[in-house]
C-alpha atoms as a PDB file:
ATOM      1  CA  MET A   1       0.107  -0.430   0.107  1.00  0.00           C
ATOM      2  CA  PRO A   2       1.532   3.461  -0.693  1.00  0.00           C
ATOM      3  CA  THR A   3       2.078   6.361   1.333  1.00  0.00           C
ATOM      4  CA  PRO A   4       0.683   9.456   1.411  1.00  0.00           C
ATOM      5  CA  PRO A   5       2.461  11.953   0.137  1.00  0.00           C
ATOM      6  CA  ALA A   6       2.671  14.214   3.079  1.00  0.00           C
ATOM      7  CA  SER A   7       0.435  16.822   4.167  1.00  0.00           C
ATOM      8  CA  PRO A   8       2.111  21.004   2.971  1.00  0.00           C
ATOM      9  CA  ARG A   9       3.040  23.154   4.995  1.00  0.00           C
ATOM     10  CA  ALA A  10       1.144  25.621   6.560  1.00  0.00           C
ATOM     11  CA  ALA A  11       2.152  28.815   4.342  1.00  0.00           C
ATOM     12  CA  ARG A  12       3.863  31.324   7.100  1.00  0.00           C
ATOM     13  CA  SER A  13       3.284  34.909   5.529  1.00  0.00           C
ATOM     14  CA  LEU A  14       6.354  37.128   4.236  1.00  0.00           C
ATOM     15  CA  ALA A  15       6.771  39.108   7.607  1.00  0.00           C
ATOM     16  CA  VAL A  16       7.812  36.240   9.809  1.00  0.00           C
ATOM     17  CA  VAL A  17      10.191  34.440   7.168  1.00  0.00           C
ATOM     18  CA  ASN A  18      11.973  38.292   6.281  1.00  0.00           C
ATOM     19  CA  GLU A  19      12.030  37.872  10.223  1.00  0.00           C
ATOM     20  CA  GLU A  20      13.864  34.663  10.356  1.00  0.00           C
ATOM     21  CA  ILE A  21      16.221  35.220   6.859  1.00  0.00           C
ATOM     22  CA  ARG A  22      17.359  38.471   9.589  1.00  0.00           C
ATOM     23  CA  ALA A  23      17.856  36.360  12.165  1.00  0.00           C
ATOM     24  CA  LEU A  24      20.123  34.369  10.319  1.00  0.00           C
ATOM     25  CA  LEU A  25      22.672  36.881   9.565  1.00  0.00           C
ATOM     26  CA  THR A  26      21.908  39.161  12.270  1.00  0.00           C
ATOM     27  CA  SER A  27      23.369  36.258  13.757  1.00  0.00           C
ATOM     28  CA  GLY A  28      26.273  35.072  12.273  1.00  0.00           C
ATOM     29  CA  GLY A  29      23.971  31.609  11.599  1.00  0.00           C
ATOM     30  CA  LEU A  30      25.352  31.268   7.855  1.00  0.00           C
ATOM     31  CA  VAL A  31      29.250  30.295   8.866  1.00  0.00           C
ATOM     32  CA  SER A  32      27.999  26.637   9.655  1.00  0.00           C
ATOM     33  CA  PRO A  33      26.918  24.813   6.669  1.00  0.00           C
ATOM     34  CA  GLU A  34      23.577  23.574   8.603  1.00  0.00           C
ATOM     35  CA  GLY A  35      22.776  27.632   8.150  1.00  0.00           C
ATOM     36  CA  ARG A  36      23.917  27.644   5.178  1.00  0.00           C
ATOM     37  CA  ARG A  37      20.856  25.275   4.122  1.00  0.00           C
ATOM     38  CA  ARG A  38      18.338  26.483   6.477  1.00  0.00           C
ATOM     39  CA  TYR A  39      19.214  30.422   4.547  1.00  0.00           C
ATOM     40  CA  GLU A  40      18.469  28.370   1.196  1.00  0.00           C
ATOM     41  CA  GLU A  41      15.538  26.865   2.466  1.00  0.00           C
ATOM     42  CA  LEU A  42      14.256  30.277   3.667  1.00  0.00           C
ATOM     43  CA  LEU A  43      14.830  31.594   0.609  1.00  0.00           C
ATOM     44  CA  VAL A  44      12.869  28.976  -1.442  1.00  0.00           C
ATOM     45  CA  GLU A  45       9.587  30.107   1.248  1.00  0.00           C
ATOM     46  CA  TRP A  46      10.238  33.822   0.826  1.00  0.00           C
ATOM     47  CA  ALA A  47      10.140  33.297  -2.782  1.00  0.00           C
ATOM     48  CA  ALA A  48       6.831  31.303  -2.433  1.00  0.00           C
ATOM     49  CA  ALA A  49       5.544  34.196   0.049  1.00  0.00           C
ATOM     50  CA  VAL A  50       6.489  36.357  -2.412  1.00  0.00           C
ATOM     51  CA  ARG A  51       4.289  35.187  -4.939  1.00  0.00           C
ATOM     52  CA  GLY A  52       1.480  34.482  -2.704  1.00  0.00           C
ATOM     53  CA  ASP A  53       1.572  38.190  -1.407  1.00  0.00           C
ATOM     54  CA  VAL A  54       0.869  38.896  -5.802  1.00  0.00           C
ATOM     55  CA  THR A  55      -1.704  36.678  -6.044  1.00  0.00           C
ATOM     56  CA  GLU A  56      -3.604  38.026  -3.828  1.00  0.00           C
ATOM     57  CA  ALA A  57      -3.631  41.548  -4.500  1.00  0.00           C
ATOM     58  CA  ALA A  58      -4.696  40.534  -8.065  1.00  0.00           C
END
């Protein structure tokens, strides 16, 4: 029996994602490989939030 796809994570607001990116940058968190991966994940989430804001505005 195939496993059902994972339920999508609820989208966070652009402001929340932006705040997490800023916190990562100001804490020096990009130094570690984990920090760089998290930054890349946040950028993807940020881009999706921007697209969502544009869609809602239209």
